[in-house]
Amino acid sequence: MARCDVCGNDYDKAMEIRLRGKTGTYDCFECAIHAMAPACEHCGCRVIGHGVEAKGKIFCCLTRYAHEVEREQGRAVTSSACHRRPEARGAFLRRGHWRW
């Protein structure tokens, strides 16, 4: 049996995941996400799906990216994409289900 790199659980159905040369053994996707998913530069949540990448930084959604631009440049940035499709902005991530 293989031992999970995150929680230490010894599990007979563990999986090995390799990403950009880094390999890890995990007993579930939750542990794999904790170890390998990038964190949002604004709120720190793990970006599981399609995030927004800009200037070498990763954000969980366009709204978080807009907040960062507002903070850096002192001006408001708006995007209707986040308001039309709540799932596109990773709403379930910000409610704390996957926050570490």
Protein backbone atom coordinates (compact mmCIF):
# COMPACT_ATOMS: atom_id res chain seq x y z
CA MET A 1 0.00 0.00 0.00
CA ALA A 2 1.07 3.58 -0.63
CA ARG A 3 1.16 6.39 1.91
CA CYS A 4 -0.37 9.80 1.07
CA ASP A 5 2.20 12.62 1.02
CA VAL A 6 -0.29 15.08 2.57
CA CYS A 7 -2.27 13.25 5.25
CA GLY A 8 -0.12 10.16 5.75
CA ASN A 9 -3.02 7.77 5.16
CA ASP A 10 -1.91 4.30 4.05
CA TYR A 11 -4.31 3.44 1.21
CA ASP A 12 -4.37 0.55 -1.26
CA LYS A 13 -5.94 2.70 -4.02
CA ALA A 14 -3.59 5.69 -3.76
CA MET A 15 -2.72 7.56 -6.93
CA GLU A 16 0.52 9.02 -8.16
CA ILE A 17 0.31 12.38 -9.89
CA ARG A 18 3.09 14.14 -11.75
CA LEU A 19 2.94 17.85 -12.59
CA ARG A 20 5.80 19.83 -14.11
CA GLY A 21 8.39 17.33 -12.90
CA LYS A 22 6.99 17.07 -9.35
CA THR A 23 5.53 13.67 -8.41
CA GLY A 24 3.37 12.96 -5.40
CA THR A 25 1.34 10.10 -3.96
CA TYR A 26 -2.17 10.91 -2.72
CA ASP A 27 -5.09 8.94 -1.32
CA CYS A 28 -7.72 11.36 -2.69
CA PHE A 29 -8.12 14.35 -4.97
CA GLU A 30 -8.56 16.64 -1.96
CA CYS A 31 -4.99 15.92 -0.83
CA ALA A 32 -3.67 16.23 -4.39
CA ILE A 33 -5.36 19.63 -4.76
CA HIS A 34 -3.92 20.79 -1.44
CA ALA A 35 -0.42 19.83 -2.54
CA MET A 36 -0.44 20.78 -6.22
CA ALA A 37 -3.11 23.35 -7.10
CA PRO A 38 -1.93 26.97 -7.32
CA ALA A 39 -3.19 29.48 -4.76
CA CYS A 40 -5.04 32.65 -5.76
CA GLU A 41 -2.79 35.71 -5.35
CA HIS A 42 -5.70 37.71 -3.93
CA CYS A 43 -7.59 35.45 -1.52
CA GLY A 44 -5.35 32.39 -1.19
CA CYS A 45 -7.97 29.80 -2.18
CA ARG A 46 -6.81 26.86 -4.29
CA VAL A 47 -7.57 27.31 -8.00
CA ILE A 48 -9.06 23.99 -9.07
CA GLY A 49 -10.59 24.89 -12.42
CA HIS A 50 -9.82 27.60 -14.93
CA GLY A 51 -8.42 30.59 -13.12
CA VAL A 52 -7.21 33.88 -14.51
CA GLU A 53 -3.49 34.25 -15.14
CA ALA A 54 -2.08 37.73 -15.62
CA LYS A 55 1.42 39.14 -15.24
CA GLY A 56 2.69 35.83 -13.91
CA LYS A 57 0.07 35.71 -11.14
CA ILE A 58 -2.89 33.33 -10.82
CA PHE A 59 -6.32 34.42 -9.58
CA CYS A 60 -9.40 32.31 -8.87
CA CYS A 61 -11.62 34.60 -10.97
CA LEU A 62 -11.88 37.84 -12.89
CA THR A 63 -13.36 39.58 -9.87
CA ARG A 64 -10.29 38.79 -7.74
CA TYR A 65 -8.01 39.92 -10.56
CA ALA A 66 -9.99 43.18 -10.83
CA HIS A 67 -9.55 43.77 -7.09
CA GLU A 68 -5.79 43.32 -7.47
CA VAL A 69 -5.67 45.78 -10.38
CA GLU A 70 -7.71 48.28 -8.36
CA ARG A 71 -5.28 47.93 -5.48
CA GLU A 72 -2.21 48.36 -7.70
CA GLN A 73 -3.50 51.11 -9.98
CA GLY A 74 -6.06 52.84 -7.80
CA ARG A 75 -8.80 52.60 -10.40
CA ALA A 76 -11.88 50.42 -10.79
CA VAL A 77 -11.95 47.57 -13.29
CA THR A 78 -15.27 45.98 -14.22
CA SER A 79 -16.12 42.76 -15.98
CA SER A 80 -19.59 41.47 -16.70
CA ALA A 81 -18.28 37.93 -17.24
CA CYS A 82 -18.22 37.17 -13.51
CA HIS A 83 -21.74 38.48 -12.96
CA ARG A 84 -23.29 36.49 -15.79
CA ARG A 85 -21.74 33.13 -14.89
CA PRO A 86 -21.24 32.59 -11.14
CA GLU A 87 -19.56 29.22 -11.78
CA ALA A 88 -16.91 30.97 -13.90
CA ARG A 89 -15.69 32.94 -10.94
CA GLY A 90 -15.26 29.92 -8.70
CA ALA A 91 -17.99 30.89 -6.24
CA PHE A 92 -17.83 27.51 -4.52
CA LEU A 93 -14.13 28.06 -3.80
CA ARG A 94 -14.65 31.36 -2.00
CA ARG A 95 -17.37 29.95 0.25
CA GLY A 96 -14.62 27.99 1.97
CA HIS A 97 -15.26 24.45 0.73
CA TRP A 98 -11.73 24.16 -0.67
CA ARG A 99 -9.94 26.90 1.26
CA TRP A 100 -6.82 25.70 3.05
